[in-house]
């Protein structure tokens, strides 16, 4: 198994551990820079961020500016017009301290932008590429229909989509379609938004797909260490322990569950949907104290004020019945608080 992943027609050769930089917005500059440098020194050369990730871009620029020619930087914009895209791109270049971005991606657009569209998004991307501000054009999404249209269009060089061992035939079909189109596949949420706990199992599963580049969301040094360790001593899907972990997780988690992506937000009733709609799973799979705090009890109680407006349901890229999921989690949470065994 090669330690590099070729990202389709971009010809970028990325280390099999990509660095997902969303979580570093939650830690200090000093901590973030130390993590980013350690990742680079451990062989990581692909760093994925976004304009939406507050100060994540600036932290990458601070930590890795002096090795810019040795890494790939991917960023994204949630712009829905070409004008806003150009503004976001200039801000990203400034924050990153660079004059080009290796891969610039449309960030979970609700449709597949194309040349000549009224939105002007794709035309703005082409201008940026012609001007040398970006080198490759990609798209990220959580919607199968948009992802499939992007692949079929031939307009995008990479697709970033959620993929872990909880995924099914639809996601596997996307990977095959990308391979056929010579389109890079970047796997986000390889740990299913924190629901999966075993990095070795996640790494082993994704490593069986030579064209898939996982980007691991890293916030703590121990998280980075486990993936760097996997690079040096690759785990195998043949290991009985890993097979048991995957089988157990699939049994418990396959089906309707909230991935915590947050695209249902904001909620007009003030409910933290991306936490509250999956709390009963998180509380069983991670240290429970933070989820049982007084602050979290107040947040969960807001579910009683649900307006039944349906906005969260209509925005969910996975088609979940979010209001029902919230109520089920609240009932489960109250039973846990009442002393029902986990």
C-alpha atoms as a PDB file:
ATOM      1  CA  UNK A   1       0.000   0.000   0.000  1.00  0.00           C
ATOM      2  CA  UNK A   2       1.488   3.319  -1.096  1.00  0.00           C
ATOM      3  CA  UNK A   3       1.923   6.052   1.476  1.00  0.00           C
ATOM      4  CA  UNK A   4       0.728   8.601  -1.093  1.00  0.00           C
ATOM      5  CA  UNK A   5      -2.631   9.276  -2.711  1.00  0.00           C
ATOM      6  CA  UNK A   6      -2.824  10.699  -6.236  1.00  0.00           C
ATOM      7  CA  UNK A   7      -5.668  13.227  -6.321  1.00  0.00           C
ATOM      8  CA  UNK A   8      -6.935  12.406  -9.784  1.00  0.00           C
ATOM      9  CA  UNK A   9      -6.093  14.686 -12.678  1.00  0.00           C
ATOM     10  CA  UNK A  10      -4.611  17.303 -10.340  1.00  0.00           C
ATOM     11  CA  UNK A  11      -1.571  14.993 -10.127  1.00  0.00           C
ATOM     12  CA  UNK A  12      -1.097  16.152  -6.528  1.00  0.00           C
ATOM     13  CA  UNK A  13       0.517  13.380  -4.484  1.00  0.00           C
ATOM     14  CA  UNK A  14      -0.726  13.727  -0.923  1.00  0.00           C
ATOM     15  CA  UNK A  15       0.369  11.837   2.152  1.00  0.00           C
ATOM     16  CA  UNK A  16      -2.313   9.335   3.135  1.00  0.00           C
ATOM     17  CA  UNK A  17      -2.944  11.388   6.267  1.00  0.00           C
ATOM     18  CA  UNK A  18      -4.539  14.688   5.290  1.00  0.00           C
ATOM     19  CA  UNK A  19      -4.891  17.338   8.011  1.00  0.00           C
ATOM     20  CA  UNK A  20      -8.444  18.616   8.502  1.00  0.00           C
ATOM     21  CA  UNK A  21      -8.001  22.060  10.033  1.00  0.00           C
ATOM     22  CA  UNK A  22     -11.548  22.841  11.169  1.00  0.00           C
ATOM     23  CA  UNK A  23     -10.827  21.882  14.830  1.00  0.00           C
ATOM     24  CA  UNK A  24      -7.744  24.090  15.207  1.00  0.00           C
ATOM     25  CA  UNK A  25      -9.979  27.148  15.348  1.00  0.00           C
ATOM     26  CA  UNK A  26     -10.896  25.949  18.865  1.00  0.00           C
ATOM     27  CA  UNK A  27      -7.340  26.045  20.232  1.00  0.00           C
ATOM     28  CA  UNK A  28      -4.716  28.739  20.788  1.00  0.00           C
ATOM     29  CA  UNK A  29      -2.300  29.939  18.121  1.00  0.00           C
ATOM     30  CA  UNK A  30       0.583  28.351  19.994  1.00  0.00           C
ATOM     31  CA  UNK A  31      -1.129  24.960  20.271  1.00  0.00           C
ATOM     32  CA  UNK A  32      -2.307  25.046  16.657  1.00  0.00           C
ATOM     33  CA  UNK A  33       1.116  25.949  15.285  1.00  0.00           C
ATOM     34  CA  UNK A  34       2.756  23.183  17.305  1.00  0.00           C
ATOM     35  CA  UNK A  35       0.263  20.615  15.962  1.00  0.00           C
ATOM     36  CA  UNK A  36       0.628  21.783  12.373  1.00  0.00           C
ATOM     37  CA  UNK A  37       4.421  21.686  12.537  1.00  0.00           C
ATOM     38  CA  UNK A  38       4.382  18.239  14.110  1.00  0.00           C
ATOM     39  CA  UNK A  39       2.049  17.022  11.363  1.00  0.00           C
ATOM     40  CA  UNK A  40       4.372  18.397   8.663  1.00  0.00           C
ATOM     41  CA  UNK A  41       7.442  16.898  10.327  1.00  0.00           C
ATOM     42  CA  UNK A  42       5.560  13.580  10.482  1.00  0.00           C
ATOM     43  CA  UNK A  43       5.072  13.548   6.728  1.00  0.00           C
ATOM     44  CA  UNK A  44       1.682  15.250   6.315  1.00  0.00           C
ATOM     45  CA  UNK A  45       1.681  17.498   3.246  1.00  0.00           C
ATOM     46  CA  UNK A  46      -2.026  18.187   2.594  1.00  0.00           C
ATOM     47  CA  UNK A  47      -3.809  20.727   4.792  1.00  0.00           C
ATOM     48  CA  UNK A  48      -7.526  21.413   4.318  1.00  0.00           C
ATOM     49  CA  UNK A  49      -9.140  24.562   5.688  1.00  0.00           C
ATOM     50  CA  UNK A  50     -11.906  27.034   4.771  1.00  0.00           C
ATOM     51  CA  UNK A  51     -12.805  30.705   4.967  1.00  0.00           C
ATOM     52  CA  UNK A  52     -15.687  29.568   7.203  1.00  0.00           C
ATOM     53  CA  UNK A  53     -13.244  28.114   9.772  1.00  0.00           C
ATOM     54  CA  UNK A  54     -12.605  31.506  11.447  1.00  0.00           C
ATOM     55  CA  UNK A  55      -8.836  31.778  12.168  1.00  0.00           C
ATOM     56  CA  UNK A  56      -7.851  28.343  10.858  1.00  0.00           C
ATOM     57  CA  UNK A  57      -6.303  29.769   7.674  1.00  0.00           C
ATOM     58  CA  UNK A  58      -4.223  32.298   9.579  1.00  0.00           C
ATOM     59  CA  UNK A  59      -2.863  29.596  11.884  1.00  0.00           C
ATOM     60  CA  UNK A  60      -1.790  27.497   8.891  1.00  0.00           C
ATOM     61  CA  UNK A  61      -0.047  30.504   7.378  1.00  0.00           C
ATOM     62  CA  UNK A  62       1.775  31.225  10.629  1.00  0.00           C
ATOM     63  CA  UNK A  63       2.884  27.624  11.184  1.00  0.00           C
ATOM     64  CA  UNK A  64       3.777  26.564   7.658  1.00  0.00           C
ATOM     65  CA  UNK A  65       4.638  29.718   5.751  1.00  0.00           C
ATOM     66  CA  UNK A  66       8.324  28.830   5.590  1.00  0.00           C
ATOM     67  CA  UNK A  67       7.602  25.402   4.020  1.00  0.00           C
ATOM     68  CA  UNK A  68       4.922  26.621   1.608  1.00  0.00           C
ATOM     69  CA  UNK A  69       6.613  25.006  -1.387  1.00  0.00           C
ATOM     70  CA  UNK A  70       6.577  21.593   0.319  1.00  0.00           C
ATOM     71  CA  UNK A  71       2.852  21.389   1.108  1.00  0.00           C
ATOM     72  CA  UNK A  72      -0.553  21.498  -0.539  1.00  0.00           C
ATOM     73  CA  UNK A  73      -3.130  23.889   0.871  1.00  0.00           C
ATOM     74  CA  UNK A  74      -6.826  23.381   0.163  1.00  0.00           C
ATOM     75  CA  UNK A  75      -9.381  25.984   1.163  1.00  0.00           C
ATOM     76  CA  UNK A  76     -13.059  26.599   0.489  1.00  0.00           C
ATOM     77  CA  UNK A  77     -15.699  29.277   0.104  1.00  0.00           C
ATOM     78  CA  UNK A  78     -19.387  29.153   0.985  1.00  0.00           C
ATOM     79  CA  UNK A  79     -20.034  32.008  -1.463  1.00  0.00           C
ATOM     80  CA  UNK A  80     -23.165  31.827  -3.582  1.00  0.00           C
ATOM     81  CA  UNK A  81     -22.109  34.548  -6.044  1.00  0.00           C
ATOM     82  CA  UNK A  82     -18.926  35.133  -8.007  1.00  0.00           C
ATOM     83  CA  UNK A  83     -18.433  38.511  -6.371  1.00  0.00           C
ATOM     84  CA  UNK A  84     -18.446  37.057  -2.871  1.00  0.00           C
ATOM     85  CA  UNK A  85     -16.193  34.195  -3.993  1.00  0.00           C
ATOM     86  CA  UNK A  86     -13.569  36.665  -5.215  1.00  0.00           C
ATOM     87  CA  UNK A  87     -13.756  38.538  -1.917  1.00  0.00           C
ATOM     88  CA  UNK A  88     -13.414  35.307   0.084  1.00  0.00           C
ATOM     89  CA  UNK A  89     -10.471  34.169  -2.032  1.00  0.00           C
ATOM     90  CA  UNK A  90      -8.566  37.409  -1.445  1.00  0.00           C
ATOM     91  CA  UNK A  91      -9.176  37.107   2.291  1.00  0.00           C
ATOM     92  CA  UNK A  92      -7.994  33.477   2.291  1.00  0.00           C
ATOM     93  CA  UNK A  93      -4.807  34.369   0.424  1.00  0.00           C
ATOM     94  CA  UNK A  94      -4.102  37.147   2.930  1.00  0.00           C
ATOM     95  CA  UNK A  95      -4.794  34.973   5.977  1.00  0.00           C
ATOM     96  CA  UNK A  96      -2.720  32.079   4.637  1.00  0.00           C
ATOM     97  CA  UNK A  97       0.123  34.425   3.708  1.00  0.00           C
ATOM     98  CA  UNK A  98       0.423  32.968   0.213  1.00  0.00           C
ATOM     99  CA  UNK A  99      -0.163  34.100  -3.348  1.00  0.00           C
ATOM    100  CA  UNK A 100      -1.862  30.883  -4.485  1.00  0.00           C
ATOM    101  CA  UNK A 101      -4.042  28.071  -3.158  1.00  0.00           C
ATOM    102  CA  UNK A 102      -3.396  24.586  -4.514  1.00  0.00           C
ATOM    103  CA  UNK A 103      -7.020  23.457  -4.352  1.00  0.00           C
ATOM    104  CA  UNK A 104      -9.925  25.883  -4.032  1.00  0.00           C
ATOM    105  CA  UNK A 105     -13.289  24.261  -3.334  1.00  0.00           C
ATOM    106  CA  UNK A 106     -16.906  25.348  -3.349  1.00  0.00           C
ATOM    107  CA  UNK A 107     -18.044  24.617   0.196  1.00  0.00           C
ATOM    108  CA  UNK A 108     -21.222  22.496   0.330  1.00  0.00           C
ATOM    109  CA  UNK A 109     -23.100  24.448  -2.332  1.00  0.00           C
ATOM    110  CA  UNK A 110     -26.797  23.448  -2.575  1.00  0.00           C
ATOM    111  CA  UNK A 111     -26.369  23.069  -6.357  1.00  0.00           C
ATOM    112  CA  UNK A 112     -23.608  22.291  -8.865  1.00  0.00           C
ATOM    113  CA  UNK A 113     -22.290  25.591 -10.321  1.00  0.00           C
ATOM    114  CA  UNK A 114     -21.429  25.608 -14.022  1.00  0.00           C
ATOM    115  CA  UNK A 115     -19.968  28.085 -16.521  1.00  0.00           C
ATOM    116  CA  UNK A 116     -22.321  30.864 -17.525  1.00  0.00           C
ATOM    117  CA  UNK A 117     -24.556  30.423 -14.474  1.00  0.00           C
ATOM    118  CA  UNK A 118     -26.339  33.447 -13.059  1.00  0.00           C
ATOM    119  CA  UNK A 119     -24.503  32.877  -9.772  1.00  0.00           C
ATOM    120  CA  UNK A 120     -21.163  33.510 -11.504  1.00  0.00           C
ATOM    121  CA  UNK A 121     -19.345  31.062  -9.220  1.00  0.00           C
ATOM    122  CA  UNK A 122     -17.673  28.825 -11.771  1.00  0.00           C
ATOM    123  CA  UNK A 123     -16.677  31.733 -13.991  1.00  0.00           C
ATOM    124  CA  UNK A 124     -15.039  33.396 -10.966  1.00  0.00           C
ATOM    125  CA  UNK A 125     -13.121  30.169 -10.297  1.00  0.00           C
ATOM    126  CA  UNK A 126     -11.878  30.095 -13.889  1.00  0.00           C
ATOM    127  CA  UNK A 127     -10.693  33.708 -13.667  1.00  0.00           C
ATOM    128  CA  UNK A 128      -8.872  32.958 -10.418  1.00  0.00           C
ATOM    129  CA  UNK A 129      -7.191  29.957 -12.019  1.00  0.00           C
ATOM    130  CA  UNK A 130      -6.172  31.946 -15.106  1.00  0.00           C
ATOM    131  CA  UNK A 131      -4.678  34.594 -12.807  1.00  0.00           C
ATOM    132  CA  UNK A 132      -2.663  31.992 -10.907  1.00  0.00           C
ATOM    133  CA  UNK A 133      -4.467  32.534  -7.604  1.00  0.00           C
ATOM    134  CA  UNK A 134      -5.707  28.941  -7.516  1.00  0.00           C
ATOM    135  CA  UNK A 135      -4.283  25.860  -9.202  1.00  0.00           C
ATOM    136  CA  UNK A 136      -7.138  23.376  -9.054  1.00  0.00           C
ATOM    137  CA  UNK A 137     -10.929  23.548  -8.706  1.00  0.00           C
ATOM    138  CA  UNK A 138     -12.877  21.267  -6.384  1.00  0.00           C
ATOM    139  CA  UNK A 139     -16.250  20.951  -4.691  1.00  0.00           C
ATOM    140  CA  UNK A 140     -17.338  19.671  -1.286  1.00  0.00           C
ATOM    141  CA  UNK A 141     -20.785  18.420  -0.428  1.00  0.00           C
ATOM    142  CA  UNK A 142     -23.011  16.362   1.828  1.00  0.00           C
ATOM    143  CA  UNK A 143     -25.683  15.781  -0.827  1.00  0.00           C
ATOM    144  CA  UNK A 144     -25.418  12.730  -3.069  1.00  0.00           C
ATOM    145  CA  UNK A 145     -27.337  14.364  -5.922  1.00  0.00           C
ATOM    146  CA  UNK A 146     -25.026  17.398  -6.055  1.00  0.00           C
ATOM    147  CA  UNK A 147     -21.942  15.186  -5.771  1.00  0.00           C
ATOM    148  CA  UNK A 148     -23.080  12.977  -8.627  1.00  0.00           C
ATOM    149  CA  UNK A 149     -23.871  15.980 -10.817  1.00  0.00           C
ATOM    150  CA  UNK A 150     -20.432  17.441 -10.093  1.00  0.00           C
ATOM    151  CA  UNK A 151     -18.744  14.207 -11.168  1.00  0.00           C
ATOM    152  CA  UNK A 152     -20.825  13.924 -14.336  1.00  0.00           C
ATOM    153  CA  UNK A 153     -20.166  17.568 -15.249  1.00  0.00           C
ATOM    154  CA  UNK A 154     -16.423  17.026 -15.654  1.00  0.00           C
ATOM    155  CA  UNK A 155     -15.901  20.561 -14.316  1.00  0.00           C
ATOM    156  CA  UNK A 156     -14.310  19.699 -10.985  1.00  0.00           C
ATOM    157  CA  UNK A 157     -10.974  18.076 -10.288  1.00  0.00           C
ATOM    158  CA  UNK A 158     -11.813  16.834  -6.780  1.00  0.00           C
ATOM    159  CA  UNK A 159     -14.838  15.909  -4.695  1.00  0.00           C
ATOM    160  CA  UNK A 160     -14.812  16.125  -0.902  1.00  0.00           C
ATOM    161  CA  UNK A 161     -17.552  14.011   0.682  1.00  0.00           C
ATOM    162  CA  UNK A 162     -18.206  12.265   4.029  1.00  0.00           C
ATOM    163  CA  UNK A 163     -16.828   8.719   4.008  1.00  0.00           C
ATOM    164  CA  UNK A 164     -16.179   6.275   6.825  1.00  0.00           C
ATOM    165  CA  UNK A 165     -16.874   2.643   7.575  1.00  0.00           C
ATOM    166  CA  UNK A 166     -20.436   3.621   8.468  1.00  0.00           C
ATOM    167  CA  UNK A 167     -21.126   4.552   4.841  1.00  0.00           C
ATOM    168  CA  UNK A 168     -22.862   2.310   2.346  1.00  0.00           C
ATOM    169  CA  UNK A 169     -23.255   1.482  -1.329  1.00  0.00           C
ATOM    170  CA  UNK A 170     -24.051   5.049  -2.385  1.00  0.00           C
ATOM    171  CA  UNK A 171     -20.735   6.410  -1.155  1.00  0.00           C
ATOM    172  CA  UNK A 172     -18.847   3.446  -2.629  1.00  0.00           C
ATOM    173  CA  UNK A 173     -20.508   4.225  -5.956  1.00  0.00           C
ATOM    174  CA  UNK A 174     -19.268   7.827  -5.719  1.00  0.00           C
ATOM    175  CA  UNK A 175     -15.699   6.588  -5.271  1.00  0.00           C
ATOM    176  CA  UNK A 176     -15.975   4.367  -8.348  1.00  0.00           C
ATOM    177  CA  UNK A 177     -17.441   7.240 -10.369  1.00  0.00           C
ATOM    178  CA  UNK A 178     -14.586   9.527  -9.305  1.00  0.00           C
ATOM    179  CA  UNK A 179     -12.005   6.920 -10.262  1.00  0.00           C
ATOM    180  CA  UNK A 180     -13.596   6.548 -13.694  1.00  0.00           C
ATOM    181  CA  UNK A 181     -13.574  10.340 -14.171  1.00  0.00           C
ATOM    182  CA  UNK A 182      -9.988  10.639 -12.840  1.00  0.00           C
ATOM    183  CA  UNK A 183     -11.344  12.921 -10.134  1.00  0.00           C
ATOM    184  CA  UNK A 184      -9.715  13.072  -6.711  1.00  0.00           C
ATOM    185  CA  UNK A 185     -11.836  11.884  -3.763  1.00  0.00           C
ATOM    186  CA  UNK A 186     -11.206  13.569  -0.406  1.00  0.00           C
ATOM    187  CA  UNK A 187     -12.863  11.796   2.517  1.00  0.00           C
ATOM    188  CA  UNK A 188     -14.106  14.061   5.292  1.00  0.00           C
ATOM    189  CA  UNK A 189     -15.634  12.820   8.521  1.00  0.00           C
ATOM    190  CA  UNK A 190     -13.626   9.608   8.525  1.00  0.00           C
ATOM    191  CA  UNK A 191     -14.444   9.407  12.248  1.00  0.00           C
ATOM    192  CA  UNK A 192     -18.151  10.148  11.558  1.00  0.00           C
ATOM    193  CA  UNK A 193     -18.022  13.509  13.297  1.00  0.00           C
ATOM    194  CA  UNK A 194     -16.577  12.060  16.507  1.00  0.00           C
ATOM    195  CA  UNK A 195     -18.876   9.059  16.827  1.00  0.00           C
ATOM    196  CA  UNK A 196     -16.080   6.660  15.921  1.00  0.00           C
ATOM    197  CA  UNK A 197     -13.333   6.372  18.509  1.00  0.00           C
ATOM    198  CA  UNK A 198     -10.786   3.955  17.044  1.00  0.00           C
ATOM    199  CA  UNK A 199      -8.382   5.733  14.698  1.00  0.00           C
ATOM    200  CA  UNK A 200      -6.617   2.507  13.690  1.00  0.00           C
ATOM    201  CA  UNK A 201      -9.880   0.977  12.501  1.00  0.00           C
ATOM    202  CA  UNK A 202     -10.841   4.132  10.598  1.00  0.00           C
ATOM    203  CA  UNK A 203      -7.394   4.328   8.987  1.00  0.00           C
ATOM    204  CA  UNK A 204      -7.386   0.653   8.010  1.00  0.00           C
ATOM    205  CA  UNK A 205     -10.812   0.888   6.404  1.00  0.00           C
ATOM    206  CA  UNK A 206     -10.030   3.964   4.302  1.00  0.00           C
ATOM    207  CA  UNK A 207      -6.565   2.713   3.337  1.00  0.00           C
ATOM    208  CA  UNK A 208      -8.123  -0.074   1.249  1.00  0.00           C
ATOM    209  CA  UNK A 209      -9.189   2.605  -1.259  1.00  0.00           C
ATOM    210  CA  UNK A 210      -5.982   3.769  -3.008  1.00  0.00           C
ATOM    211  CA  UNK A 211      -7.688   6.774  -4.635  1.00  0.00           C
ATOM    212  CA  UNK A 212      -9.228   8.126  -1.410  1.00  0.00           C
ATOM    213  CA  UNK A 213      -7.476  10.817   0.649  1.00  0.00           C
ATOM    214  CA  UNK A 214      -8.726  10.965   4.258  1.00  0.00           C
ATOM    215  CA  UNK A 215      -8.523  14.310   6.038  1.00  0.00           C
ATOM    216  CA  UNK A 216      -8.589  13.793   9.788  1.00  0.00           C
ATOM    217  CA  UNK A 217      -9.959  16.590  11.943  1.00  0.00           C
ATOM    218  CA  UNK A 218      -7.189  17.200  14.477  1.00  0.00           C
ATOM    219  CA  UNK A 219      -7.476  19.243  17.667  1.00  0.00           C
ATOM    220  CA  UNK A 220      -5.350  17.333  20.192  1.00  0.00           C
ATOM    221  CA  UNK A 221      -1.848  15.937  19.947  1.00  0.00           C
ATOM    222  CA  UNK A 222      -2.959  12.410  20.838  1.00  0.00           C
ATOM    223  CA  UNK A 223      -5.340  12.460  17.850  1.00  0.00           C
ATOM    224  CA  UNK A 224      -2.506  13.405  15.519  1.00  0.00           C
ATOM    225  CA  UNK A 225      -0.176  10.850  17.083  1.00  0.00           C
ATOM    226  CA  UNK A 226      -2.496   7.936  16.372  1.00  0.00           C
ATOM    227  CA  UNK A 227      -2.633   8.740  12.658  1.00  0.00           C
ATOM    228  CA  UNK A 228       1.105   9.375  12.381  1.00  0.00           C
ATOM    229  CA  UNK A 229       1.607   6.018  14.072  1.00  0.00           C
ATOM    230  CA  UNK A 230      -0.678   4.386  11.504  1.00  0.00           C
ATOM    231  CA  UNK A 231       1.563   5.738   8.733  1.00  0.00           C
ATOM    232  CA  UNK A 232       4.628   4.108  10.263  1.00  0.00           C
ATOM    233  CA  UNK A 233       2.864   0.857  11.212  1.00  0.00           C
ATOM    234  CA  UNK A 234      -0.200   0.525   8.949  1.00  0.00           C
ATOM    235  CA  UNK A 235      -3.032  -1.418  10.583  1.00  0.00           C
ATOM    236  CA  UNK A 236      -4.737  -4.117   8.549  1.00  0.00           C
ATOM    237  CA  UNK A 237      -8.401  -4.888   8.029  1.00  0.00           C
ATOM    238  CA  UNK A 238      -7.424  -8.512   8.557  1.00  0.00           C
ATOM    239  CA  UNK A 239      -6.722  -7.857  12.239  1.00  0.00           C
ATOM    240  CA  UNK A 240      -9.444  -9.476  14.335  1.00  0.00           C
ATOM    241  CA  UNK A 241      -9.506  -6.578  16.788  1.00  0.00           C
ATOM    242  CA  UNK A 242     -10.191  -4.092  13.990  1.00  0.00           C
ATOM    243  CA  UNK A 243     -12.852  -6.316  12.457  1.00  0.00           C
ATOM    244  CA  UNK A 244     -14.566  -6.528  15.845  1.00  0.00           C
ATOM    245  CA  UNK A 245     -14.500  -2.739  16.329  1.00  0.00           C
ATOM    246  CA  UNK A 246     -15.993  -2.094  12.881  1.00  0.00           C
ATOM    247  CA  UNK A 247     -18.672  -4.753  13.314  1.00  0.00           C
ATOM    248  CA  UNK A 248     -19.691  -3.359  16.719  1.00  0.00           C
ATOM    249  CA  UNK A 249     -19.837   0.234  15.483  1.00  0.00           C
ATOM    250  CA  UNK A 250     -21.846  -0.697  12.417  1.00  0.00           C
ATOM    251  CA  UNK A 251     -24.331  -2.619  14.522  1.00  0.00           C
ATOM    252  CA  UNK A 252     -24.823   0.321  16.887  1.00  0.00           C
ATOM    253  CA  UNK A 253     -24.703   3.240  14.461  1.00  0.00           C
ATOM    254  CA  UNK A 254     -25.903   2.301  10.995  1.00  0.00           C
ATOM    255  CA  UNK A 255     -29.141   4.053  10.118  1.00  0.00           C
ATOM    256  CA  UNK A 256     -30.475   7.502  10.946  1.00  0.00           C
ATOM    257  CA  UNK A 257     -28.018   9.458  13.035  1.00  0.00           C
ATOM    258  CA  UNK A 258     -26.904  13.078  13.099  1.00  0.00           C
ATOM    259  CA  UNK A 259     -23.393  13.603  11.683  1.00  0.00           C
ATOM    260  CA  UNK A 260     -23.051  16.976  13.441  1.00  0.00           C
ATOM    261  CA  UNK A 261     -22.312  18.851  10.210  1.00  0.00           C
ATOM    262  CA  UNK A 262     -24.329  21.891  11.342  1.00  0.00           C
ATOM    263  CA  UNK A 263     -25.938  22.739   8.008  1.00  0.00           C
ATOM    264  CA  UNK A 264     -29.343  22.710   9.720  1.00  0.00           C
ATOM    265  CA  UNK A 265     -28.315  25.766  11.754  1.00  0.00           C
ATOM    266  CA  UNK A 266     -29.225  28.347  12.909  1.00  0.00           C
ATOM    267  CA  UNK A 267     -32.362  27.201  14.715  1.00  0.00           C
ATOM    268  CA  UNK A 268     -35.029  29.912  15.286  1.00  0.00           C
ATOM    269  CA  UNK A 269     -35.682  28.409  18.738  1.00  0.00           C
ATOM    270  CA  UNK A 270     -31.983  28.579  19.630  1.00  0.00           C
ATOM    271  CA  UNK A 271     -31.491  24.798  19.789  1.00  0.00           C
ATOM    272  CA  UNK A 272     -27.906  23.598  19.248  1.00  0.00           C
ATOM    273  CA  UNK A 273     -29.168  20.957  16.848  1.00  0.00           C
ATOM    274  CA  UNK A 274     -25.782  19.622  15.747  1.00  0.00           C
ATOM    275  CA  UNK A 275     -24.992  18.677  19.361  1.00  0.00           C
ATOM    276  CA  UNK A 276     -28.446  17.887  20.714  1.00  0.00           C
ATOM    277  CA  UNK A 277     -29.604  15.625  17.867  1.00  0.00           C
ATOM    278  CA  UNK A 278     -26.828  13.109  18.467  1.00  0.00           C
ATOM    279  CA  UNK A 279     -26.197  13.488  22.176  1.00  0.00           C
ATOM    280  CA  UNK A 280     -27.524  10.085  23.212  1.00  0.00           C
ATOM    281  CA  UNK A 281     -24.953   8.467  20.910  1.00  0.00           C
ATOM    282  CA  UNK A 282     -22.095  10.711  22.006  1.00  0.00           C
ATOM    283  CA  UNK A 283     -22.802  10.206  25.685  1.00  0.00           C
ATOM    284  CA  UNK A 284     -22.373   6.463  25.270  1.00  0.00           C
ATOM    285  CA  UNK A 285     -19.237   6.662  23.139  1.00  0.00           C
ATOM    286  CA  UNK A 286     -17.161   9.409  24.773  1.00  0.00           C
ATOM    287  CA  UNK A 287     -16.504  10.652  28.312  1.00  0.00           C
ATOM    288  CA  UNK A 288     -19.974  11.576  29.528  1.00  0.00           C
ATOM    289  CA  UNK A 289     -19.207  14.384  32.014  1.00  0.00           C
ATOM    290  CA  UNK A 290     -19.291  17.288  29.473  1.00  0.00           C
ATOM    291  CA  UNK A 291     -22.620  16.058  28.106  1.00  0.00           C
ATOM    292  CA  UNK A 292     -24.174  15.896  31.595  1.00  0.00           C
ATOM    293  CA  UNK A 293     -23.090  19.400  32.637  1.00  0.00           C
ATOM    294  CA  UNK A 294     -25.585  22.056  33.723  1.00  0.00           C
ATOM    295  CA  UNK A 295     -24.835  23.979  30.533  1.00  0.00           C
ATOM    296  CA  UNK A 296     -25.744  20.979  28.383  1.00  0.00           C
ATOM    297  CA  UNK A 297     -28.894  20.324  30.406  1.00  0.00           C
ATOM    298  CA  UNK A 298     -30.022  23.875  29.628  1.00  0.00           C
ATOM    299  CA  UNK A 299     -29.262  23.369  25.925  1.00  0.00           C
ATOM    300  CA  UNK A 300     -31.168  20.088  25.785  1.00  0.00           C
ATOM    301  CA  UNK A 301     -34.187  21.638  27.559  1.00  0.00           C
ATOM    302  CA  UNK A 302     -34.543  24.040  24.616  1.00  0.00           C
ATOM    303  CA  UNK A 303     -35.835  21.119  22.570  1.00  0.00           C
ATOM    304  CA  UNK A 304     -39.134  21.562  24.465  1.00  0.00           C
ATOM    305  CA  UNK A 305     -39.401  24.939  22.702  1.00  0.00           C
ATOM    306  CA  UNK A 306     -39.133  23.436  19.195  1.00  0.00           C
ATOM    307  CA  UNK A 307     -41.351  25.451  16.843  1.00  0.00           C
ATOM    308  CA  UNK A 308     -41.942  22.515  14.468  1.00  0.00           C
ATOM    309  CA  UNK A 309     -41.056  24.930  11.660  1.00  0.00           C
ATOM    310  CA  UNK A 310     -39.325  22.213   9.663  1.00  0.00           C
ATOM    311  CA  UNK A 311     -36.342  24.388   8.673  1.00  0.00           C
ATOM    312  CA  UNK A 312     -33.819  21.928  10.078  1.00  0.00           C
ATOM    313  CA  UNK A 313     -35.499  19.036   8.292  1.00  0.00           C
ATOM    314  CA  UNK A 314     -35.436  20.848   4.951  1.00  0.00           C
ATOM    315  CA  UNK A 315     -31.754  21.805   5.325  1.00  0.00           C
ATOM    316  CA  UNK A 316     -30.449  18.407   6.418  1.00  0.00           C
ATOM    317  CA  UNK A 317     -28.245  17.021   3.601  1.00  0.00           C
ATOM    318  CA  UNK A 318     -28.928  13.490   4.872  1.00  0.00           C
ATOM    319  CA  UNK A 319     -32.718  13.811   4.762  1.00  0.00           C
ATOM    320  CA  UNK A 320     -33.127  13.213   8.505  1.00  0.00           C
ATOM    321  CA  UNK A 321     -36.372  13.895  10.355  1.00  0.00           C
ATOM    322  CA  UNK A 322     -34.468  16.217  12.680  1.00  0.00           C
ATOM    323  CA  UNK A 323     -37.338  17.321  14.973  1.00  0.00           C
ATOM    324  CA  UNK A 324     -38.190  13.686  15.731  1.00  0.00           C
ATOM    325  CA  UNK A 325     -34.523  12.896  16.278  1.00  0.00           C
ATOM    326  CA  UNK A 326     -34.242  15.804  18.731  1.00  0.00           C
ATOM    327  CA  UNK A 327     -37.223  14.608  20.750  1.00  0.00           C
ATOM    328  CA  UNK A 328     -35.881  11.055  20.918  1.00  0.00           C
ATOM    329  CA  UNK A 329     -32.540  12.363  22.167  1.00  0.00           C
ATOM    330  CA  UNK A 330     -34.223  14.535  24.793  1.00  0.00           C
ATOM    331  CA  UNK A 331     -36.272  11.592  26.100  1.00  0.00           C
ATOM    332  CA  UNK A 332     -33.159   9.413  26.228  1.00  0.00           C
ATOM    333  CA  UNK A 333     -31.170  12.197  27.923  1.00  0.00           C
ATOM    334  CA  UNK A 334     -33.764  12.661  30.651  1.00  0.00           C
ATOM    335  CA  UNK A 335     -33.785   8.939  31.338  1.00  0.00           C
ATOM    336  CA  UNK A 336     -29.979   9.043  31.709  1.00  0.00           C
ATOM    337  CA  UNK A 337     -30.217  12.006  34.113  1.00  0.00           C
ATOM    338  CA  UNK A 338     -32.823  10.092  36.110  1.00  0.00           C
ATOM    339  CA  UNK A 339     -30.303   7.367  36.699  1.00  0.00           C
ATOM    340  CA  UNK A 340     -31.051   4.883  33.964  1.00  0.00           C
ATOM    341  CA  UNK A 341     -27.823   2.884  33.304  1.00  0.00           C
ATOM    342  CA  UNK A 342     -25.881   3.796  30.136  1.00  0.00           C
END
